[in-house]
Amino acid sequence: RPSYIHLGHAAGSRNAVAGRIHRRMFHGDFIQYVV
């Protein structure tokens, strides 16, 4: 799920991968990123 992904290393996370922000879209209550 998109809402369970952190941008930045969450403490204790066992899955951490490098990425790059491709697109940013403002939706009011949240920001949707294509990474």
PDB file of all heavy atoms in Angstrom:
ATOM      1  N   ARG A   1       0.824  -1.205   0.000  1.00  0.00           N
ATOM      2  CA  ARG A   1       0.000   0.000   0.000  1.00  0.00           C
ATOM      3  C   ARG A   1       0.862   1.261   0.000  1.00  0.00           C
ATOM      4  O   ARG A   1       1.853   1.344   0.741  1.00  0.00           O
ATOM      5  CB  ARG A   1      -0.910   0.013   1.233  1.00  0.00           C
ATOM      6  CG  ARG A   1      -1.889  -1.149   1.328  1.00  0.00           C
ATOM      7  CD  ARG A   1      -2.972  -1.060   0.295  1.00  0.00           C
ATOM      8  NE  ARG A   1      -4.010  -2.088   0.492  1.00  0.00           N
ATOM      9  CZ  ARG A   1      -4.954  -2.344  -0.388  1.00  0.00           C
ATOM     10  NH1 ARG A   1      -5.006  -1.665  -1.526  1.00  0.00           N
ATOM     11  NH2 ARG A   1      -5.850  -3.274  -0.168  1.00  0.00           N
ATOM     12  N   PRO A   2       0.476   2.277  -0.800  1.00  0.00           N
ATOM     13  CA  PRO A   2       1.260   3.520  -0.881  1.00  0.00           C
ATOM     14  C   PRO A   2       1.434   4.239   0.458  1.00  0.00           C
ATOM     15  O   PRO A   2       2.463   4.861   0.702  1.00  0.00           O
ATOM     16  CB  PRO A   2       0.447   4.383  -1.853  1.00  0.00           C
ATOM     17  CG  PRO A   2      -0.308   3.414  -2.693  1.00  0.00           C
ATOM     18  CD  PRO A   2      -0.637   2.279  -1.768  1.00  0.00           C
ATOM     19  N   SER A   3       0.437   4.129   1.352  1.00  0.00           N
ATOM     20  CA  SER A   3       0.505   4.873   2.612  1.00  0.00           C
ATOM     21  C   SER A   3       1.424   4.214   3.636  1.00  0.00           C
ATOM     22  O   SER A   3       1.721   4.811   4.683  1.00  0.00           O
ATOM     23  CB  SER A   3      -0.898   5.018   3.209  1.00  0.00           C
ATOM     24  OG  SER A   3      -1.533   3.760   3.312  1.00  0.00           O
ATOM     25  N   TYR A   4       1.901   2.983   3.365  1.00  0.00           N
ATOM     26  CA  TYR A   4       2.775   2.293   4.301  1.00  0.00           C
ATOM     27  C   TYR A   4       4.253   2.414   3.913  1.00  0.00           C
ATOM     28  O   TYR A   4       5.106   1.747   4.499  1.00  0.00           O
ATOM     29  CB  TYR A   4       2.390   0.812   4.390  1.00  0.00           C
ATOM     30  CG  TYR A   4       1.051   0.561   5.054  1.00  0.00           C
ATOM     31  CD1 TYR A   4       0.277  -0.542   4.698  1.00  0.00           C
ATOM     32  CD2 TYR A   4       0.563   1.413   6.028  1.00  0.00           C
ATOM     33  CE1 TYR A   4      -0.954  -0.788   5.304  1.00  0.00           C
ATOM     34  CE2 TYR A   4      -0.658   1.182   6.641  1.00  0.00           C
ATOM     35  CZ  TYR A   4      -1.415   0.086   6.274  1.00  0.00           C
ATOM     36  OH  TYR A   4      -2.623  -0.148   6.877  1.00  0.00           O
ATOM     37  N   ILE A   5       4.536   3.241   2.927  1.00  0.00           N
ATOM     38  CA  ILE A   5       5.913   3.420   2.471  1.00  0.00           C
ATOM     39  C   ILE A   5       6.443   4.745   3.011  1.00  0.00           C
ATOM     40  O   ILE A   5       5.781   5.789   2.902  1.00  0.00           O
ATOM     41  CB  ILE A   5       5.989   3.412   0.936  1.00  0.00           C
ATOM     42  CG1 ILE A   5       5.370   2.127   0.372  1.00  0.00           C
ATOM     43  CG2 ILE A   5       7.441   3.553   0.471  1.00  0.00           C
ATOM     44  CD1 ILE A   5       5.220   2.134  -1.142  1.00  0.00           C
ATOM     45  N   HIS A   6       7.633   4.708   3.598  1.00  0.00           N
ATOM     46  CA  HIS A   6       8.284   5.917   4.099  1.00  0.00           C
ATOM     47  C   HIS A   6       9.299   6.419   3.070  1.00  0.00           C
ATOM     48  O   HIS A   6       9.921   5.631   2.359  1.00  0.00           O
ATOM     49  CB  HIS A   6       9.009   5.642   5.419  1.00  0.00           C
ATOM     50  CG  HIS A   6       8.093   5.229   6.529  1.00  0.00           C
ATOM     51  ND1 HIS A   6       7.407   6.126   7.304  1.00  0.00           N
ATOM     52  CD2 HIS A   6       7.755   3.991   6.981  1.00  0.00           C
ATOM     53  CE1 HIS A   6       6.674   5.478   8.192  1.00  0.00           C
ATOM     54  NE2 HIS A   6       6.869   4.176   8.017  1.00  0.00           N
ATOM     55  N   LEU A   7       9.444   7.722   3.013  1.00  0.00           N
ATOM     56  CA  LEU A   7      10.517   8.324   2.218  1.00  0.00           C
ATOM     57  C   LEU A   7      11.550   8.837   3.215  1.00  0.00           C
ATOM     58  O   LEU A   7      11.385   9.884   3.836  1.00  0.00           O
ATOM     59  CB  LEU A   7       9.974   9.456   1.338  1.00  0.00           C
ATOM     60  CG  LEU A   7       8.980   9.008   0.259  1.00  0.00           C
ATOM     61  CD1 LEU A   7       8.479  10.194  -0.553  1.00  0.00           C
ATOM     62  CD2 LEU A   7       9.600   7.962  -0.665  1.00  0.00           C
ATOM     63  N   GLY A   8      12.575   8.070   3.391  1.00  0.00           N
ATOM     64  CA  GLY A   8      13.524   8.286   4.480  1.00  0.00           C
ATOM     65  C   GLY A   8      13.604   6.973   5.232  1.00  0.00           C
ATOM     66  O   GLY A   8      12.666   6.167   5.218  1.00  0.00           O
ATOM     67  N   HIS A   9      14.705   6.713   5.892  1.00  0.00           N
ATOM     68  CA  HIS A   9      14.902   5.426   6.552  1.00  0.00           C
ATOM     69  C   HIS A   9      14.145   5.410   7.866  1.00  0.00           C
ATOM     70  O   HIS A   9      14.505   6.103   8.810  1.00  0.00           O
ATOM     71  CB  HIS A   9      16.393   5.160   6.779  1.00  0.00           C
ATOM     72  CG  HIS A   9      16.709   3.707   6.959  1.00  0.00           C
ATOM     73  ND1 HIS A   9      16.105   2.929   7.918  1.00  0.00           N
ATOM     74  CD2 HIS A   9      17.550   2.882   6.284  1.00  0.00           C
ATOM     75  CE1 HIS A   9      16.559   1.698   7.856  1.00  0.00           C
ATOM     76  NE2 HIS A   9      17.446   1.633   6.871  1.00  0.00           N
ATOM     77  N   ALA A  10      13.061   4.617   7.939  1.00  0.00           N
ATOM     78  CA  ALA A  10      12.305   4.469   9.178  1.00  0.00           C
ATOM     79  C   ALA A  10      13.102   3.598  10.141  1.00  0.00           C
ATOM     80  O   ALA A  10      13.706   2.604   9.741  1.00  0.00           O
ATOM     81  CB  ALA A  10      10.943   3.841   8.898  1.00  0.00           C
ATOM     82  N   ALA A  11      13.117   3.982  11.416  1.00  0.00           N
ATOM     83  CA  ALA A  11      13.885   3.249  12.428  1.00  0.00           C
ATOM     84  C   ALA A  11      13.475   1.783  12.456  1.00  0.00           C
ATOM     85  O   ALA A  11      12.296   1.456  12.532  1.00  0.00           O
ATOM     86  CB  ALA A  11      13.674   3.888  13.794  1.00  0.00           C
ATOM     87  N   GLY A  12      14.468   0.895  12.370  1.00  0.00           N
ATOM     88  CA  GLY A  12      14.207  -0.526  12.475  1.00  0.00           C
ATOM     89  C   GLY A  12      13.691  -1.178  11.211  1.00  0.00           C
ATOM     90  O   GLY A  12      13.427  -2.378  11.204  1.00  0.00           O
ATOM     91  N   SER A  13      13.534  -0.430  10.129  1.00  0.00           N
ATOM     92  CA  SER A  13      12.979  -0.996   8.900  1.00  0.00           C
ATOM     93  C   SER A  13      13.938  -2.035   8.314  1.00  0.00           C
ATOM     94  O   SER A  13      15.149  -1.831   8.256  1.00  0.00           O
ATOM     95  CB  SER A  13      12.710   0.103   7.873  1.00  0.00           C
ATOM     96  OG  SER A  13      12.300  -0.469   6.652  1.00  0.00           O
ATOM     97  N   ARG A  14      13.369  -3.171   7.877  1.00  0.00           N
ATOM     98  CA  ARG A  14      14.187  -4.230   7.285  1.00  0.00           C
ATOM     99  C   ARG A  14      14.177  -4.184   5.764  1.00  0.00           C
ATOM    100  O   ARG A  14      14.783  -5.018   5.102  1.00  0.00           O
ATOM    101  CB  ARG A  14      13.685  -5.586   7.795  1.00  0.00           C
ATOM    102  CG  ARG A  14      14.149  -5.864   9.221  1.00  0.00           C
ATOM    103  CD  ARG A  14      13.108  -6.550  10.064  1.00  0.00           C
ATOM    104  NE  ARG A  14      12.928  -7.945   9.691  1.00  0.00           N
ATOM    105  CZ  ARG A  14      12.030  -8.733  10.278  1.00  0.00           C
ATOM    106  NH1 ARG A  14      11.246  -8.259  11.232  1.00  0.00           N
ATOM    107  NH2 ARG A  14      11.912  -9.991   9.897  1.00  0.00           N
ATOM    108  N   ASN A  15      13.443  -3.239   5.186  1.00  0.00           N
ATOM    109  CA  ASN A  15      13.460  -3.032   3.738  1.00  0.00           C
ATOM    110  C   ASN A  15      13.779  -1.566   3.475  1.00  0.00           C
ATOM    111  O   ASN A  15      12.964  -0.690   3.765  1.00  0.00           O
ATOM    112  CB  ASN A  15      12.094  -3.373   3.116  1.00  0.00           C
ATOM    113  CG  ASN A  15      11.811  -4.866   3.113  1.00  0.00           C
ATOM    114  OD1 ASN A  15      12.669  -5.666   2.768  1.00  0.00           O
ATOM    115  ND2 ASN A  15      10.610  -5.241   3.516  1.00  0.00           N
ATOM    116  N   ALA A  16      14.954  -1.303   2.965  1.00  0.00           N
ATOM    117  CA  ALA A  16      15.361   0.068   2.645  1.00  0.00           C
ATOM    118  C   ALA A  16      16.078   0.057   1.298  1.00  0.00           C
ATOM    119  O   ALA A  16      17.035  -0.707   1.103  1.00  0.00           O
ATOM    120  CB  ALA A  16      16.266   0.647   3.728  1.00  0.00           C
ATOM    121  N   VAL A  17      15.583   0.887   0.362  1.00  0.00           N
ATOM    122  CA  VAL A  17      16.083   0.887  -1.014  1.00  0.00           C
ATOM    123  C   VAL A  17      16.237   2.337  -1.477  1.00  0.00           C
ATOM    124  O   VAL A  17      15.418   3.202  -1.142  1.00  0.00           O
ATOM    125  CB  VAL A  17      15.102   0.147  -1.958  1.00  0.00           C
ATOM    126  CG1 VAL A  17      15.674   0.049  -3.354  1.00  0.00           C
ATOM    127  CG2 VAL A  17      14.762  -1.230  -1.422  1.00  0.00           C
ATOM    128  N   ALA A  18      17.265   2.603  -2.264  1.00  0.00           N
ATOM    129  CA  ALA A  18      17.462   3.939  -2.815  1.00  0.00           C
ATOM    130  C   ALA A  18      16.483   4.202  -3.950  1.00  0.00           C
ATOM    131  O   ALA A  18      16.148   3.303  -4.726  1.00  0.00           O
ATOM    132  CB  ALA A  18      18.895   4.084  -3.323  1.00  0.00           C
ATOM    133  N   GLY A  19      15.995   5.440  -4.035  1.00  0.00           N
ATOM    134  CA  GLY A  19      15.073   5.815  -5.105  1.00  0.00           C
ATOM    135  C   GLY A  19      15.202   7.288  -5.448  1.00  0.00           C
ATOM    136  O   GLY A  19      15.987   8.017  -4.831  1.00  0.00           O
ATOM    137  N   ARG A  20      14.435   7.703  -6.430  1.00  0.00           N
ATOM    138  CA  ARG A  20      14.447   9.102  -6.861  1.00  0.00           C
ATOM    139  C   ARG A  20      13.004   9.560  -7.111  1.00  0.00           C
ATOM    140  O   ARG A  20      12.219   8.834  -7.728  1.00  0.00           O
ATOM    141  CB  ARG A  20      15.268   9.254  -8.146  1.00  0.00           C
ATOM    142  CG  ARG A  20      15.344  10.696  -8.677  1.00  0.00           C
ATOM    143  CD  ARG A  20      15.925  10.714 -10.090  1.00  0.00           C
ATOM    144  NE  ARG A  20      17.279  10.219 -10.125  1.00  0.00           N
ATOM    145  CZ  ARG A  20      18.361  11.004  -9.987  1.00  0.00           C
ATOM    146  NH1 ARG A  20      18.212  12.316  -9.830  1.00  0.00           N
ATOM    147  NH2 ARG A  20      19.568  10.486 -10.037  1.00  0.00           N
ATOM    148  N   ILE A  21      12.668  10.772  -6.641  1.00  0.00           N
ATOM    149  CA  ILE A  21      11.334  11.326  -6.838  1.00  0.00           C
ATOM    150  C   ILE A  21      11.148  11.667  -8.319  1.00  0.00           C
ATOM    151  O   ILE A  21      11.860  12.511  -8.864  1.00  0.00           O
ATOM    152  CB  ILE A  21      11.099  12.592  -5.986  1.00  0.00           C
ATOM    153  CG1 ILE A  21      11.311  12.294  -4.495  1.00  0.00           C
ATOM    154  CG2 ILE A  21       9.692  13.146  -6.234  1.00  0.00           C
ATOM    155  CD1 ILE A  21      10.331  11.337  -3.892  1.00  0.00           C
ATOM    156  N   HIS A  22      10.209  10.998  -8.952  1.00  0.00           N
ATOM    157  CA  HIS A  22       9.932  11.247 -10.369  1.00  0.00           C
ATOM    158  C   HIS A  22       8.858  12.311 -10.552  1.00  0.00           C
ATOM    159  O   HIS A  22       8.961  13.181 -11.418  1.00  0.00           O
ATOM    160  CB  HIS A  22       9.487   9.932 -11.040  1.00  0.00           C
ATOM    161  CG  HIS A  22       9.125  10.072 -12.486  1.00  0.00           C
ATOM    162  ND1 HIS A  22      10.069  10.152 -13.493  1.00  0.00           N
ATOM    163  CD2 HIS A  22       7.908  10.168 -13.108  1.00  0.00           C
ATOM    164  CE1 HIS A  22       9.460  10.278 -14.651  1.00  0.00           C
ATOM    165  NE2 HIS A  22       8.145  10.295 -14.448  1.00  0.00           N
ATOM    166  N   ARG A  23       7.810  12.248  -9.730  1.00  0.00           N
ATOM    167  CA  ARG A  23       6.702  13.200  -9.846  1.00  0.00           C
ATOM    168  C   ARG A  23       6.082  13.434  -8.470  1.00  0.00           C
ATOM    169  O   ARG A  23       6.014  12.516  -7.650  1.00  0.00           O
ATOM    170  CB  ARG A  23       5.633  12.662 -10.809  1.00  0.00           C
ATOM    171  CG  ARG A  23       4.531  13.631 -11.158  1.00  0.00           C
ATOM    172  CD  ARG A  23       4.986  14.713 -12.125  1.00  0.00           C
ATOM    173  NE  ARG A  23       5.360  14.153 -13.420  1.00  0.00           N
ATOM    174  CZ  ARG A  23       6.460  14.484 -14.065  1.00  0.00           C
ATOM    175  NH1 ARG A  23       7.318  15.343 -13.533  1.00  0.00           N
ATOM    176  NH2 ARG A  23       6.733  13.959 -15.257  1.00  0.00           N
ATOM    177  N   ARG A  24       5.627  14.663  -8.214  1.00  0.00           N
ATOM    178  CA  ARG A  24       4.942  15.001  -6.966  1.00  0.00           C
ATOM    179  C   ARG A  24       3.600  15.632  -7.286  1.00  0.00           C
ATOM    180  O   ARG A  24       3.523  16.551  -8.099  1.00  0.00           O
ATOM    181  CB  ARG A  24       5.794  15.982  -6.143  1.00  0.00           C
ATOM    182  CG  ARG A  24       5.190  16.326  -4.784  1.00  0.00           C
ATOM    183  CD  ARG A  24       6.082  17.268  -4.005  1.00  0.00           C
ATOM    184  NE  ARG A  24       5.968  18.651  -4.467  1.00  0.00           N
ATOM    185  CZ  ARG A  24       6.756  19.653  -4.058  1.00  0.00           C
ATOM    186  NH1 ARG A  24       7.734  19.395  -3.190  1.00  0.00           N
ATOM    187  NH2 ARG A  24       6.580  20.869  -4.503  1.00  0.00           N
ATOM    188  N   MET A  25       2.520  15.111  -6.653  1.00  0.00           N
ATOM    189  CA  MET A  25       1.166  15.620  -6.901  1.00  0.00           C
ATOM    190  C   MET A  25       0.485  15.932  -5.572  1.00  0.00           C
ATOM    191  O   MET A  25       0.431  15.072  -4.680  1.00  0.00           O
ATOM    192  CB  MET A  25       0.336  14.600  -7.688  1.00  0.00           C
ATOM    193  CG  MET A  25       0.803  14.431  -9.124  1.00  0.00           C
ATOM    194  SD  MET A  25       0.258  12.863  -9.853  1.00  0.00           S
ATOM    195  CE  MET A  25       1.404  11.717  -9.104  1.00  0.00           C
ATOM    196  N   PHE A  26      -0.025  17.151  -5.438  1.00  0.00           N
ATOM    197  CA  PHE A  26      -0.668  17.605  -4.208  1.00  0.00           C
ATOM    198  C   PHE A  26      -2.144  17.216  -4.223  1.00  0.00           C
ATOM    199  O   PHE A  26      -2.870  17.535  -5.164  1.00  0.00           O
ATOM    200  CB  PHE A  26      -0.520  19.122  -4.080  1.00  0.00           C
ATOM    201  CG  PHE A  26      -1.129  19.683  -2.828  1.00  0.00           C
ATOM    202  CD1 PHE A  26      -0.542  19.452  -1.595  1.00  0.00           C
ATOM    203  CD2 PHE A  26      -2.283  20.450  -2.888  1.00  0.00           C
ATOM    204  CE1 PHE A  26      -1.099  19.973  -0.434  1.00  0.00           C
ATOM    205  CE2 PHE A  26      -2.854  20.973  -1.731  1.00  0.00           C
ATOM    206  CZ  PHE A  26      -2.258  20.737  -0.502  1.00  0.00           C
ATOM    207  N   HIS A  27      -2.605  16.520  -3.171  1.00  0.00           N
ATOM    208  CA  HIS A  27      -3.998  16.073  -3.087  1.00  0.00           C
ATOM    209  C   HIS A  27      -4.733  16.649  -1.889  1.00  0.00           C
ATOM    210  O   HIS A  27      -5.816  16.193  -1.546  1.00  0.00           O
ATOM    211  CB  HIS A  27      -4.059  14.545  -3.025  1.00  0.00           C
ATOM    212  CG  HIS A  27      -3.762  13.866  -4.319  1.00  0.00           C
ATOM    213  ND1 HIS A  27      -4.733  13.370  -5.166  1.00  0.00           N
ATOM    214  CD2 HIS A  27      -2.577  13.610  -4.938  1.00  0.00           C
ATOM    215  CE1 HIS A  27      -4.160  12.827  -6.236  1.00  0.00           C
ATOM    216  NE2 HIS A  27      -2.857  12.958  -6.121  1.00  0.00           N
ATOM    217  N   GLY A  28      -4.164  17.644  -1.234  1.00  0.00           N
ATOM    218  CA  GLY A  28      -4.815  18.241  -0.076  1.00  0.00           C
ATOM    219  C   GLY A  28      -4.410  17.541   1.207  1.00  0.00           C
ATOM    220  O   GLY A  28      -3.511  17.993   1.924  1.00  0.00           O
ATOM    221  N   ASP A  29      -5.076  16.435   1.527  1.00  0.00           N
ATOM    222  CA  ASP A  29      -4.782  15.703   2.762  1.00  0.00           C
ATOM    223  C   ASP A  29      -3.492  14.890   2.665  1.00  0.00           C
ATOM    224  O   ASP A  29      -2.967  14.444   3.686  1.00  0.00           O
ATOM    225  CB  ASP A  29      -5.934  14.755   3.124  1.00  0.00           C
ATOM    226  CG  ASP A  29      -7.186  15.510   3.549  1.00  0.00           C
ATOM    227  OD1 ASP A  29      -7.046  16.681   3.959  1.00  0.00           O
ATOM    228  OD2 ASP A  29      -8.283  14.940   3.470  1.00  0.00           O
ATOM    229  N   PHE A  30      -3.019  14.645   1.474  1.00  0.00           N
ATOM    230  CA  PHE A  30      -1.775  13.902   1.313  1.00  0.00           C
ATOM    231  C   PHE A  30      -1.081  14.354   0.030  1.00  0.00           C
ATOM    232  O   PHE A  30      -1.678  15.005  -0.826  1.00  0.00           O
ATOM    233  CB  PHE A  30      -2.025  12.390   1.285  1.00  0.00           C
ATOM    234  CG  PHE A  30      -2.865  11.921   0.112  1.00  0.00           C
ATOM    235  CD1 PHE A  30      -2.268  11.552  -1.091  1.00  0.00           C
ATOM    236  CD2 PHE A  30      -4.246  11.847   0.217  1.00  0.00           C
ATOM    237  CE1 PHE A  30      -3.037  11.113  -2.161  1.00  0.00           C
ATOM    238  CE2 PHE A  30      -5.021  11.412  -0.847  1.00  0.00           C
ATOM    239  CZ  PHE A  30      -4.424  11.056  -2.031  1.00  0.00           C
ATOM    240  N   ILE A  31       0.191  14.008  -0.066  1.00  0.00           N
ATOM    241  CA  ILE A  31       0.959  14.234  -1.291  1.00  0.00           C
ATOM    242  C   ILE A  31       1.275  12.868  -1.890  1.00  0.00           C
ATOM    243  O   ILE A  31       1.722  11.954  -1.186  1.00  0.00           O
ATOM    244  CB  ILE A  31       2.258  15.008  -1.023  1.00  0.00           C
ATOM    245  CG1 ILE A  31       1.924  16.425  -0.550  1.00  0.00           C
ATOM    246  CG2 ILE A  31       3.128  15.075  -2.283  1.00  0.00           C
ATOM    247  CD1 ILE A  31       3.129  17.254  -0.191  1.00  0.00           C
ATOM    248  N   GLN A  32       0.998  12.719  -3.165  1.00  0.00           N
ATOM    249  CA  GLN A  32       1.298  11.461  -3.839  1.00  0.00           C
ATOM    250  C   GLN A  32       2.565  11.617  -4.665  1.00  0.00           C
ATOM    251  O   GLN A  32       2.675  12.530  -5.476  1.00  0.00           O
ATOM    252  CB  GLN A  32       0.135  11.032  -4.730  1.00  0.00           C
ATOM    253  CG  GLN A  32       0.380   9.696  -5.427  1.00  0.00           C
ATOM    254  CD  GLN A  32      -0.904   9.046  -5.880  1.00  0.00           C
ATOM    255  OE1 GLN A  32      -1.780   8.707  -5.082  1.00  0.00           O
ATOM    256  NE2 GLN A  32      -1.051   8.863  -7.176  1.00  0.00           N
ATOM    257  N   TYR A  33       3.507  10.715  -4.428  1.00  0.00           N
ATOM    258  CA  TYR A  33       4.766  10.717  -5.156  1.00  0.00           C
ATOM    259  C   TYR A  33       4.830   9.504  -6.083  1.00  0.00           C
ATOM    260  O   TYR A  33       4.383   8.414  -5.725  1.00  0.00           O
ATOM    261  CB  TYR A  33       5.954  10.642  -4.192  1.00  0.00           C
ATOM    262  CG  TYR A  33       6.128  11.852  -3.309  1.00  0.00           C
ATOM    263  CD1 TYR A  33       5.593  11.876  -2.016  1.00  0.00           C
ATOM    264  CD2 TYR A  33       6.819  12.975  -3.751  1.00  0.00           C
ATOM    265  CE1 TYR A  33       5.750  12.975  -1.201  1.00  0.00           C
ATOM    266  CE2 TYR A  33       6.980  14.083  -2.938  1.00  0.00           C
ATOM    267  CZ  TYR A  33       6.448  14.082  -1.663  1.00  0.00           C
ATOM    268  OH  TYR A  33       6.591  15.183  -0.856  1.00  0.00           O
ATOM    269  N   VAL A  34       5.380   9.706  -7.262  1.00  0.00           N
ATOM    270  CA  VAL A  34       5.793   8.596  -8.123  1.00  0.00           C
ATOM    271  C   VAL A  34       7.303   8.502  -7.970  1.00  0.00           C
ATOM    272  O   VAL A  34       8.025   9.477  -8.253  1.00  0.00           O
ATOM    273  CB  VAL A  34       5.405   8.838  -9.594  1.00  0.00           C
ATOM    274  CG1 VAL A  34       5.869   7.662 -10.455  1.00  0.00           C
ATOM    275  CG2 VAL A  34       3.905   9.047  -9.731  1.00  0.00           C
ATOM    276  N   VAL A  35       7.781   7.370  -7.485  1.00  0.00           N
ATOM    277  CA  VAL A  35       9.192   7.223  -7.140  1.00  0.00           C
ATOM    278  C   VAL A  35       9.822   6.143  -8.011  1.00  0.00           C
ATOM    279  O   VAL A  35       9.315   5.011  -8.089  1.00  0.00           O
ATOM    280  CB  VAL A  35       9.358   6.866  -5.647  1.00  0.00           C
ATOM    281  CG1 VAL A  35      10.834   6.820  -5.274  1.00  0.00           C
ATOM    282  CG2 VAL A  35       8.615   7.857  -4.761  1.00  0.00           C
TER     283      VAL A  35
END
